[in-house]
Structure formats: structure tokens, C-alpha cells
Protein backbone atom coordinates (compact mmCIF):
# COMPACT_ATOMS: atom_id res chain seq x y z
CA ILE A 1 184.22 15.76 77.02
CA ASN A 2 183.52 19.15 76.03
CA PRO A 3 186.50 20.80 74.33
CA ALA A 4 184.82 24.26 74.44
CA LYS A 5 184.76 23.87 78.42
CA SER A 6 187.85 21.99 79.25
CA GLU A 7 190.98 23.52 80.18
CA LEU A 8 194.20 21.01 80.36
CA MET A 9 197.04 22.37 83.25
CA VAL A 10 200.83 20.55 83.16
CA VAL A 11 202.21 20.91 86.30
CA THR A 12 205.60 20.66 84.99
CA PRO A 13 208.37 23.46 85.48
CA THR A 14 210.94 22.57 83.10
CA SER A 15 208.13 20.87 80.37
CA ASN A 16 206.94 23.06 77.09
CA THR A 17 203.18 23.50 77.37
CA ASP A 18 203.12 23.67 73.20
CA GLU A 19 204.14 19.61 73.44
CA HIS A 20 200.89 18.78 75.51
CA ASN A 21 197.38 18.37 74.38
CA VAL A 22 194.79 15.97 74.87
CA SER A 23 192.32 14.50 71.96
CA PRO A 24 189.17 13.52 73.29
CA ALA A 25 186.42 12.20 70.65
CA GLY A 26 188.86 13.92 67.80
CA SER A 27 188.84 17.33 69.21
CA VAL A 28 192.10 18.45 71.23
CA VAL A 29 192.28 20.53 73.99
CA SER A 30 195.84 22.03 74.70
CA ALA A 31 197.77 23.06 77.88
CA PHE A 32 197.19 26.72 78.59
CA PRO A 33 200.68 28.43 79.66
CA SER A 34 202.01 27.60 83.00
CA ALA A 35 201.84 31.27 84.11
CA THR A 36 198.07 31.57 83.32
CA THR A 37 195.44 30.86 86.13
CA ALA A 38 192.40 28.78 85.44
CA ARG A 39 189.09 28.54 87.84
CA MET A 40 188.06 25.36 88.29
CA LEU A 41 185.03 24.47 90.59
CA GLY A 42 185.08 27.94 92.18
CA VAL A 43 188.93 27.57 92.81
CA TRP A 44 191.89 29.38 91.24
CA PHE A 45 194.56 27.25 90.17
CA SER A 46 198.40 28.49 88.77
CA ALA A 47 200.26 25.87 87.32
CA ASP A 48 203.75 27.47 88.05
CA GLY A 49 203.03 28.75 91.47
CA SER A 50 204.18 32.59 90.61
CA SER A 51 201.94 35.21 92.37
CA LYS A 52 201.96 37.42 89.52
CA SER A 53 198.51 36.35 88.12
CA THR A 54 197.30 36.35 91.39
CA GLN A 55 198.27 40.09 92.02
CA ALA A 56 196.63 41.29 89.00
CA LEU A 57 193.57 39.39 89.77
CA VAL A 58 193.69 41.08 93.16
CA HIS A 59 194.39 44.30 91.47
CA ALA A 60 191.29 44.16 88.90
CA GLU A 61 188.63 42.83 91.90
CA VAL A 62 189.61 45.95 93.95
CA THR A 63 189.56 48.14 91.27
CA ALA A 64 186.26 47.02 90.08
CA ILE A 65 185.07 47.27 93.98
CA CYS A 66 186.34 51.19 94.46
CA SER A 67 185.21 52.15 90.76
CA MET A 68 181.76 50.60 91.63
CA LEU A 69 181.47 52.49 95.12
CA ARG A 70 183.13 55.96 93.37
CA ARG A 71 180.36 56.28 91.40
CA LYS A 72 177.45 55.88 94.42
CA SER A 73 177.31 57.85 97.38
CA VAL A 74 177.72 55.36 99.89
CA THR A 75 177.88 56.18 103.66
CA ASP A 76 181.07 54.92 105.86
CA VAL A 77 178.91 52.00 107.05
CA GLN A 78 177.81 50.87 103.72
CA ALA A 79 181.40 51.10 102.71
CA VAL A 80 182.61 49.30 105.85
CA TYR A 81 180.22 46.71 104.74
CA THR A 82 180.79 46.19 101.40
CA VAL A 83 184.91 45.82 101.98
CA ASP A 84 183.98 43.04 104.68
CA ASN A 85 181.03 41.12 102.56
CA VAL A 86 182.09 41.87 99.10
CA LEU A 87 185.46 42.72 98.58
CA ILE A 88 186.96 40.28 101.61
CA PRO A 89 185.19 37.17 100.40
CA ALA A 90 186.04 37.75 97.02
CA LEU A 91 189.68 38.18 97.54
CA SER A 92 189.67 35.06 99.82
CA SER A 93 188.58 32.75 96.89
CA LEU A 94 191.42 33.72 95.05
CA PRO A 95 194.81 31.67 94.60
CA THR A 96 197.12 31.91 97.59
CA ASN A 97 200.76 31.40 96.27
């Protein structure tokens, strides 16, 4: 296991994540906070099930697309295409809580 590329998620709401870690091959992989989301194999997971991190991801994605479109002179058809084929698929891959 490569500890630099590994993440540990503890799905226990009453447990302190500071106490959880795994030591593969002498390296320590610590659990990240339960309010943090993690992307594994293209799917977003959240240990605590809250929607704050999901809302932040949606806001960041929409802001990135809008700032990209603001700098360009696009037609209405191009804007609709971008929303339908870029923004909506990106949002559909985010976690749903």
C-alpha cells in the first residue's frame, strides 16, 4: 500500500478520528476528519453524511464554469451546451447526501 496515495475513512459518528490509523509497511495512514469528502474511484464519499462539503463542491464547480464562460464571448447555444454537457455531468458525479 502506498501511504502517499491512501486515505482512511472511518464511518463511526461517535468516534474520534485522531485515534484511528493504519500502519502498512511501517508507514502510518491516518483517518481524515469525518466532515471531509474524499474521492475514490471517481465517486465522492463523506463519512458523516453532512451536505456542507457537497454544497461547497457544487459551489466551486459552478463558480469555475461561470468564470470560464464570463471570459469568453459565447452564444446562447454554446452556453446551453456547456451547462448540459459539462456542468450537469460534473454535478451528477458529486456526492448526494
